[in-house]
Amino acid sequence: MSTGNGAARTRLPLRPLPVGDHGLLVELDDAAAVEAFHAELLRRAAAGSLPAVREIVPAARSVLLDGLADPGRLAAELPGWDVPPVTADDRPAVEIPVRYDGPDLADVAALWDTTPEDVVRIHSGTEFHVAFCGFAPGFGYLTGLPERHHVPRRATPRTKVPVGSVALAGPYTGVYPRSSPGGWQLIGTSDVELWNPDREPAALFSPGTRVRFVPVATGTSTESSREAR
């Protein structure tokens, strides 16, 4: 089946599970299916064809819907949905200035079998997008690096990762919005404010946001971010 705009639609394997009286956790096979299903939920909500829901929260392999009046009814309908693949966000990419001065930069270079300079070139030359958010307010799990550049978490997590640390773990890149423990590989730092409850929206990143990292010299302030034109 196809949509009116020509995008092929398919029925995703999904497993809806009840969560309390008004929640539904929908498990999917992989991150691509999560993104497609989440985008379809947002489309239907905007069109008024989705039952009223308080929150829609995507994760690595699931989407939580909370605040449903009748989650069982929606669960019964979901297997019949035709869902198109996710399309690229047409909003300009958010640019994040980065000082590539992280303590794990050399370790990542060794894992990639390359030089620290090439890590900077590859990472800053990749366009990422936010797959989902979590861990801490403002933290986005960004995908875009090919599988050969996925890296393991550190064997021993740090008890304190500085705010603004740009890091890698598995298929993801992230920027720590606050200081916290963490086991990701740290390759740089940024001064960009990812979360501000007095700002609208409070989070700089949201699912689907396109992101590019821009290298700046060590010692340079990176407080501002902008949308790439």
C-alpha atoms as a PDB file:
ATOM      1  CA  MET A   1       0.000   0.000   0.000  1.00  0.00           C
ATOM      2  CA  SER A   2       1.198   3.571  -0.696  1.00  0.00           C
ATOM      3  CA  THR A   3       0.426   6.947   0.768  1.00  0.00           C
ATOM      4  CA  GLY A   4      -0.812   9.809  -1.334  1.00  0.00           C
ATOM      5  CA  ASN A   5       2.717  11.220  -1.522  1.00  0.00           C
ATOM      6  CA  GLY A   6       4.150   7.954  -2.876  1.00  0.00           C
ATOM      7  CA  ALA A   7       5.800   6.696   0.315  1.00  0.00           C
ATOM      8  CA  ALA A   8       5.428   2.926   0.673  1.00  0.00           C
ATOM      9  CA  ARG A   9       3.540   1.846   3.766  1.00  0.00           C
ATOM     10  CA  THR A  10       3.909  -1.408   5.632  1.00  0.00           C
ATOM     11  CA  ARG A  11       2.523  -3.160   8.698  1.00  0.00           C
ATOM     12  CA  LEU A  12       5.133  -3.137  11.423  1.00  0.00           C
ATOM     13  CA  PRO A  13       5.600  -6.087  13.772  1.00  0.00           C
ATOM     14  CA  LEU A  14       4.643  -4.583  17.120  1.00  0.00           C
ATOM     15  CA  ARG A  15       3.712  -5.808  20.559  1.00  0.00           C
ATOM     16  CA  PRO A  16       1.369  -3.587  22.600  1.00  0.00           C
ATOM     17  CA  LEU A  17       1.567  -4.167  26.351  1.00  0.00           C
ATOM     18  CA  PRO A  18      -0.669  -2.562  29.012  1.00  0.00           C
ATOM     19  CA  VAL A  19       0.977  -0.222  31.510  1.00  0.00           C
ATOM     20  CA  GLY A  20      -1.336   0.537  34.409  1.00  0.00           C
ATOM     21  CA  ASP A  21      -4.887   1.642  33.688  1.00  0.00           C
ATOM     22  CA  HIS A  22      -4.136   4.292  31.072  1.00  0.00           C
ATOM     23  CA  GLY A  23      -0.819   3.410  29.468  1.00  0.00           C
ATOM     24  CA  LEU A  24       0.353   1.339  26.532  1.00  0.00           C
ATOM     25  CA  LEU A  25       3.944   0.271  25.828  1.00  0.00           C
ATOM     26  CA  VAL A  26       4.428  -0.684  22.188  1.00  0.00           C
ATOM     27  CA  GLU A  27       7.527  -2.811  21.572  1.00  0.00           C
ATOM     28  CA  LEU A  28       9.064  -2.827  18.068  1.00  0.00           C
ATOM     29  CA  ASP A  29      11.889  -4.697  16.368  1.00  0.00           C
ATOM     30  CA  ASP A  30      14.466  -1.941  15.964  1.00  0.00           C
ATOM     31  CA  ALA A  31      15.179   1.787  16.088  1.00  0.00           C
ATOM     32  CA  ALA A  32      14.013   2.375  12.503  1.00  0.00           C
ATOM     33  CA  ALA A  33      10.614   0.852  13.309  1.00  0.00           C
ATOM     34  CA  VAL A  34      10.366   2.998  16.447  1.00  0.00           C
ATOM     35  CA  GLU A  35      11.048   6.167  14.468  1.00  0.00           C
ATOM     36  CA  ALA A  36       8.498   5.276  11.794  1.00  0.00           C
ATOM     37  CA  PHE A  37       5.832   4.345  14.344  1.00  0.00           C
ATOM     38  CA  HIS A  38       6.501   7.456  16.448  1.00  0.00           C
ATOM     39  CA  ALA A  39       6.200   9.669  13.360  1.00  0.00           C
ATOM     40  CA  GLU A  40       2.913   7.980  12.458  1.00  0.00           C
ATOM     41  CA  LEU A  41       1.567   8.595  15.968  1.00  0.00           C
ATOM     42  CA  LEU A  42       2.429  12.281  15.679  1.00  0.00           C
ATOM     43  CA  ARG A  43       0.816  12.512  12.237  1.00  0.00           C
ATOM     44  CA  ARG A  44      -2.392  10.920  13.499  1.00  0.00           C
ATOM     45  CA  ALA A  45      -2.408  13.109  16.614  1.00  0.00           C
ATOM     46  CA  ALA A  46      -2.049  16.231  14.449  1.00  0.00           C
ATOM     47  CA  ALA A  47      -4.860  15.011  12.176  1.00  0.00           C
ATOM     48  CA  GLY A  48      -7.133  14.282  15.146  1.00  0.00           C
ATOM     49  CA  SER A  49      -7.371  10.563  14.333  1.00  0.00           C
ATOM     50  CA  LEU A  50      -5.439   9.348  17.381  1.00  0.00           C
ATOM     51  CA  PRO A  51      -7.281   8.901  20.688  1.00  0.00           C
ATOM     52  CA  ALA A  52      -6.450  11.627  23.199  1.00  0.00           C
ATOM     53  CA  VAL A  53      -3.114  10.872  24.858  1.00  0.00           C
ATOM     54  CA  ARG A  54      -1.117  12.829  27.432  1.00  0.00           C
ATOM     55  CA  GLU A  55       2.375  11.681  26.469  1.00  0.00           C
ATOM     56  CA  ILE A  56       4.082   9.854  23.595  1.00  0.00           C
ATOM     57  CA  VAL A  57       7.613   8.815  24.562  1.00  0.00           C
ATOM     58  CA  PRO A  58       9.884   6.937  22.112  1.00  0.00           C
ATOM     59  CA  ALA A  59      12.831   4.853  23.317  1.00  0.00           C
ATOM     60  CA  ALA A  60      15.372   2.538  21.649  1.00  0.00           C
ATOM     61  CA  ARG A  61      12.866  -0.224  20.823  1.00  0.00           C
ATOM     62  CA  SER A  62       9.541   0.915  22.224  1.00  0.00           C
ATOM     63  CA  VAL A  63       7.079   3.787  22.378  1.00  0.00           C
ATOM     64  CA  LEU A  64       5.100   4.588  25.517  1.00  0.00           C
ATOM     65  CA  LEU A  65       1.654   6.172  25.250  1.00  0.00           C
ATOM     66  CA  ASP A  66       0.334   7.463  28.561  1.00  0.00           C
ATOM     67  CA  GLY A  67      -2.974   9.023  29.499  1.00  0.00           C
ATOM     68  CA  LEU A  68      -5.191   6.966  27.193  1.00  0.00           C
ATOM     69  CA  ALA A  69      -8.840   6.586  28.173  1.00  0.00           C
ATOM     70  CA  ASP A  70      -9.066   3.129  26.587  1.00  0.00           C
ATOM     71  CA  PRO A  71      -5.613   1.653  25.903  1.00  0.00           C
ATOM     72  CA  GLY A  72      -7.087  -1.773  25.139  1.00  0.00           C
ATOM     73  CA  ARG A  73      -9.046  -0.432  22.195  1.00  0.00           C
ATOM     74  CA  LEU A  74      -5.969   1.220  20.682  1.00  0.00           C
ATOM     75  CA  ALA A  75      -3.917  -1.941  21.275  1.00  0.00           C
ATOM     76  CA  ALA A  76      -6.453  -3.920  19.257  1.00  0.00           C
ATOM     77  CA  GLU A  77      -6.281  -1.439  16.364  1.00  0.00           C
ATOM     78  CA  LEU A  78      -2.493  -1.086  16.092  1.00  0.00           C
ATOM     79  CA  PRO A  79      -1.728  -4.366  14.237  1.00  0.00           C
ATOM     80  CA  GLY A  80      -3.865  -3.118  11.346  1.00  0.00           C
ATOM     81  CA  TRP A  81      -2.021   0.182  10.909  1.00  0.00           C
ATOM     82  CA  ASP A  82      -0.062   0.779   7.708  1.00  0.00           C
ATOM     83  CA  VAL A  83       3.010   2.840   8.610  1.00  0.00           C
ATOM     84  CA  PRO A  84       5.264   4.574   6.046  1.00  0.00           C
ATOM     85  CA  PRO A  85       9.036   4.650   6.584  1.00  0.00           C
ATOM     86  CA  VAL A  86      10.299   7.744   8.324  1.00  0.00           C
ATOM     87  CA  THR A  87      11.300  10.613   6.035  1.00  0.00           C
ATOM     88  CA  ALA A  88      14.046  13.157   6.590  1.00  0.00           C
ATOM     89  CA  ASP A  89      13.142  16.129   8.756  1.00  0.00           C
ATOM     90  CA  ASP A  90      12.986  19.180   6.489  1.00  0.00           C
ATOM     91  CA  ARG A  91      13.875  21.604   9.272  1.00  0.00           C
ATOM     92  CA  PRO A  92      17.402  23.063   9.178  1.00  0.00           C
ATOM     93  CA  ALA A  93      20.001  21.121  11.147  1.00  0.00           C
ATOM     94  CA  VAL A  94      20.984  22.415  14.582  1.00  0.00           C
ATOM     95  CA  GLU A  95      24.717  23.125  14.669  1.00  0.00           C
ATOM     96  CA  ILE A  96      26.592  22.332  17.892  1.00  0.00           C
ATOM     97  CA  PRO A  97      30.078  23.900  18.203  1.00  0.00           C
ATOM     98  CA  VAL A  98      32.489  21.395  19.769  1.00  0.00           C
ATOM     99  CA  ARG A  99      36.004  21.494  21.132  1.00  0.00           C
ATOM    100  CA  TYR A 100      37.332  18.043  20.262  1.00  0.00           C
ATOM    101  CA  ASP A 101      39.400  17.756  23.427  1.00  0.00           C
ATOM    102  CA  GLY A 102      37.801  14.760  25.144  1.00  0.00           C
ATOM    103  CA  PRO A 103      39.922  12.385  27.247  1.00  0.00           C
ATOM    104  CA  ASP A 104      38.805   9.360  25.200  1.00  0.00           C
ATOM    105  CA  LEU A 105      39.515  10.829  21.757  1.00  0.00           C
ATOM    106  CA  ALA A 106      42.696   8.781  21.313  1.00  0.00           C
ATOM    107  CA  ASP A 107      40.957   5.612  22.515  1.00  0.00           C
ATOM    108  CA  VAL A 108      38.166   6.122  19.979  1.00  0.00           C
ATOM    109  CA  ALA A 109      40.763   6.680  17.265  1.00  0.00           C
ATOM    110  CA  ALA A 110      42.353   3.349  18.193  1.00  0.00           C
ATOM    111  CA  LEU A 111      38.971   1.602  18.103  1.00  0.00           C
ATOM    112  CA  TRP A 112      38.358   3.092  14.653  1.00  0.00           C
ATOM    113  CA  ASP A 113      41.895   2.208  13.561  1.00  0.00           C
ATOM    114  CA  THR A 114      42.577   5.801  12.605  1.00  0.00           C
ATOM    115  CA  THR A 115      43.942   9.067  14.011  1.00  0.00           C
ATOM    116  CA  PRO A 116      42.303  11.550  16.410  1.00  0.00           C
ATOM    117  CA  GLU A 117      42.234  14.051  13.536  1.00  0.00           C
ATOM    118  CA  ASP A 118      40.242  11.596  11.447  1.00  0.00           C
ATOM    119  CA  VAL A 119      37.807  11.020  14.327  1.00  0.00           C
ATOM    120  CA  VAL A 120      37.132  14.761  14.335  1.00  0.00           C
ATOM    121  CA  ARG A 121      36.744  14.816  10.551  1.00  0.00           C
ATOM    122  CA  ILE A 122      34.384  11.829  10.473  1.00  0.00           C
ATOM    123  CA  HIS A 123      32.287  12.890  13.458  1.00  0.00           C
ATOM    124  CA  SER A 124      31.918  16.520  12.359  1.00  0.00           C
ATOM    125  CA  GLY A 125      31.284  15.416   8.763  1.00  0.00           C
ATOM    126  CA  THR A 126      28.289  13.266   9.747  1.00  0.00           C
ATOM    127  CA  GLU A 127      24.733  14.559   9.881  1.00  0.00           C
ATOM    128  CA  PHE A 128      23.016  13.051  12.901  1.00  0.00           C
ATOM    129  CA  HIS A 129      19.403  12.983  13.917  1.00  0.00           C
ATOM    130  CA  VAL A 130      17.759  12.522  17.306  1.00  0.00           C
ATOM    131  CA  ALA A 131      16.294   9.022  17.517  1.00  0.00           C
ATOM    132  CA  PHE A 132      14.811   9.526  20.993  1.00  0.00           C
ATOM    133  CA  CYS A 133      15.411  11.415  24.233  1.00  0.00           C
ATOM    134  CA  GLY A 134      15.945  10.245  27.786  1.00  0.00           C
ATOM    135  CA  PHE A 135      18.458   9.570  30.566  1.00  0.00           C
ATOM    136  CA  ALA A 136      18.325  13.237  31.644  1.00  0.00           C
ATOM    137  CA  PRO A 137      16.241  16.246  30.547  1.00  0.00           C
ATOM    138  CA  GLY A 138      17.671  17.526  27.269  1.00  0.00           C
ATOM    139  CA  PHE A 139      19.691  14.404  26.442  1.00  0.00           C
ATOM    140  CA  GLY A 140      19.202  13.145  22.891  1.00  0.00           C
ATOM    141  CA  TYR A 141      20.334   9.806  21.504  1.00  0.00           C
ATOM    142  CA  LEU A 142      21.726  10.762  18.102  1.00  0.00           C
ATOM    143  CA  THR A 143      22.210   8.266  15.275  1.00  0.00           C
ATOM    144  CA  GLY A 144      24.120   8.625  12.008  1.00  0.00           C
ATOM    145  CA  LEU A 145      27.512   6.964  12.366  1.00  0.00           C
ATOM    146  CA  PRO A 146      27.905   3.778  10.289  1.00  0.00           C
ATOM    147  CA  GLU A 147      28.189   0.493  12.151  1.00  0.00           C
ATOM    148  CA  ARG A 148      31.978   0.323  11.704  1.00  0.00           C
ATOM    149  CA  HIS A 149      32.239   3.427  13.904  1.00  0.00           C
ATOM    150  CA  HIS A 150      30.098   2.143  16.762  1.00  0.00           C
ATOM    151  CA  VAL A 151      32.105   1.897  19.989  1.00  0.00           C
ATOM    152  CA  PRO A 152      31.609   0.091  23.308  1.00  0.00           C
ATOM    153  CA  ARG A 153      31.012   1.855  26.573  1.00  0.00           C
ATOM    154  CA  ARG A 154      34.007   2.236  28.849  1.00  0.00           C
ATOM    155  CA  ALA A 155      34.788  -0.837  30.943  1.00  0.00           C
ATOM    156  CA  THR A 156      34.769   1.369  34.041  1.00  0.00           C
ATOM    157  CA  PRO A 157      32.209   4.201  34.030  1.00  0.00           C
ATOM    158  CA  ARG A 158      33.236   7.609  35.320  1.00  0.00           C
ATOM    159  CA  THR A 159      31.608   8.771  38.545  1.00  0.00           C
ATOM    160  CA  LYS A 160      31.308  12.288  37.113  1.00  0.00           C
ATOM    161  CA  VAL A 161      31.090  13.296  33.466  1.00  0.00           C
ATOM    162  CA  PRO A 162      31.334  17.091  32.947  1.00  0.00           C
ATOM    163  CA  VAL A 163      28.325  18.956  31.604  1.00  0.00           C
ATOM    164  CA  GLY A 164      28.580  19.527  27.857  1.00  0.00           C
ATOM    165  CA  SER A 165      30.639  16.402  27.177  1.00  0.00           C
ATOM    166  CA  VAL A 166      30.207  15.081  23.640  1.00  0.00           C
ATOM    167  CA  ALA A 167      30.288  11.306  23.813  1.00  0.00           C
ATOM    168  CA  LEU A 168      29.887   8.044  21.907  1.00  0.00           C
ATOM    169  CA  ALA A 169      28.461   4.662  22.958  1.00  0.00           C
ATOM    170  CA  GLY A 170      27.214   1.865  20.725  1.00  0.00           C
ATOM    171  CA  PRO A 171      25.447   3.434  17.722  1.00  0.00           C
ATOM    172  CA  TYR A 172      24.792   6.725  19.520  1.00  0.00           C
ATOM    173  CA  THR A 173      26.328  10.145  19.952  1.00  0.00           C
ATOM    174  CA  GLY A 174      25.123  12.343  22.818  1.00  0.00           C
ATOM    175  CA  VAL A 175      25.845  15.569  24.664  1.00  0.00           C
ATOM    176  CA  TYR A 176      25.566  15.501  28.465  1.00  0.00           C
ATOM    177  CA  PRO A 177      23.126  18.275  29.501  1.00  0.00           C
ATOM    178  CA  ARG A 178      24.378  18.148  33.098  1.00  0.00           C
ATOM    179  CA  SER A 179      27.157  16.574  35.090  1.00  0.00           C
ATOM    180  CA  SER A 180      26.424  12.952  35.976  1.00  0.00           C
ATOM    181  CA  PRO A 181      27.992   9.491  36.138  1.00  0.00           C
ATOM    182  CA  GLY A 182      28.467   7.892  32.749  1.00  0.00           C
ATOM    183  CA  GLY A 183      30.285   5.242  30.770  1.00  0.00           C
ATOM    184  CA  TRP A 184      30.305   6.767  27.295  1.00  0.00           C
ATOM    185  CA  GLN A 185      33.520   7.586  25.395  1.00  0.00           C
ATOM    186  CA  LEU A 186      34.195  11.334  25.706  1.00  0.00           C
ATOM    187  CA  ILE A 187      35.560  12.971  22.553  1.00  0.00           C
ATOM    188  CA  GLY A 188      34.789  16.664  23.069  1.00  0.00           C
ATOM    189  CA  THR A 189      32.990  19.419  24.949  1.00  0.00           C
ATOM    190  CA  SER A 190      30.372  22.034  24.114  1.00  0.00           C
ATOM    191  CA  ASP A 191      28.945  24.973  26.057  1.00  0.00           C
ATOM    192  CA  VAL A 192      25.549  24.838  24.305  1.00  0.00           C
ATOM    193  CA  GLU A 193      22.596  24.841  26.717  1.00  0.00           C
ATOM    194  CA  LEU A 194      20.599  21.715  25.899  1.00  0.00           C
ATOM    195  CA  TRP A 195      17.902  22.142  28.544  1.00  0.00           C
ATOM    196  CA  ASN A 196      16.370  25.346  29.887  1.00  0.00           C
ATOM    197  CA  PRO A 197      12.941  25.115  31.559  1.00  0.00           C
ATOM    198  CA  ASP A 198      12.462  28.852  30.981  1.00  0.00           C
ATOM    199  CA  ARG A 199      12.871  28.400  27.217  1.00  0.00           C
ATOM    200  CA  GLU A 200      10.195  27.273  24.762  1.00  0.00           C
ATOM    201  CA  PRO A 201      10.800  24.525  23.929  1.00  0.00           C
ATOM    202  CA  ALA A 202      12.898  23.692  26.983  1.00  0.00           C
ATOM    203  CA  ALA A 203      14.882  20.999  25.123  1.00  0.00           C
ATOM    204  CA  LEU A 204      17.122  21.917  22.204  1.00  0.00           C
ATOM    205  CA  PHE A 205      16.794  18.359  20.871  1.00  0.00           C
ATOM    206  CA  SER A 206      13.585  16.474  20.122  1.00  0.00           C
ATOM    207  CA  PRO A 207      13.025  13.229  18.185  1.00  0.00           C
ATOM    208  CA  GLY A 208      13.721  13.844  14.507  1.00  0.00           C
ATOM    209  CA  THR A 209      15.938  16.913  15.005  1.00  0.00           C
ATOM    210  CA  ARG A 210      18.852  16.993  12.569  1.00  0.00           C
ATOM    211  CA  VAL A 211      22.197  17.809  14.222  1.00  0.00           C
ATOM    212  CA  ARG A 212      25.676  18.677  12.978  1.00  0.00           C
ATOM    213  CA  PHE A 213      28.789  19.126  15.125  1.00  0.00           C
ATOM    214  CA  VAL A 214      31.121  21.980  14.199  1.00  0.00           C
ATOM    215  CA  PRO A 215      34.765  21.848  15.353  1.00  0.00           C
ATOM    216  CA  VAL A 216      36.126  24.938  17.129  1.00  0.00           C
ATOM    217  CA  ALA A 217      39.560  25.596  18.554  1.00  0.00           C
ATOM    218  CA  THR A 218      40.373  24.522  22.101  1.00  0.00           C
ATOM    219  CA  GLY A 219      39.793  27.467  24.428  1.00  0.00           C
ATOM    220  CA  THR A 220      37.011  28.865  22.230  1.00  0.00           C
ATOM    221  CA  SER A 221      33.578  29.440  23.753  1.00  0.00           C
ATOM    222  CA  THR A 222      30.863  27.248  22.210  1.00  0.00           C
ATOM    223  CA  GLU A 223      27.868  28.766  23.990  1.00  0.00           C
ATOM    224  CA  SER A 224      25.757  29.481  20.922  1.00  0.00           C
ATOM    225  CA  SER A 225      24.112  27.054  18.562  1.00  0.00           C
ATOM    226  CA  ARG A 226      22.329  27.838  15.350  1.00  0.00           C
ATOM    227  CA  GLU A 227      20.259  26.206  12.674  1.00  0.00           C
ATOM    228  CA  ALA A 228      22.244  25.399   9.556  1.00  0.00           C
ATOM    229  CA  ARG A 229      20.997  27.219   6.511  1.00  0.00           C
END
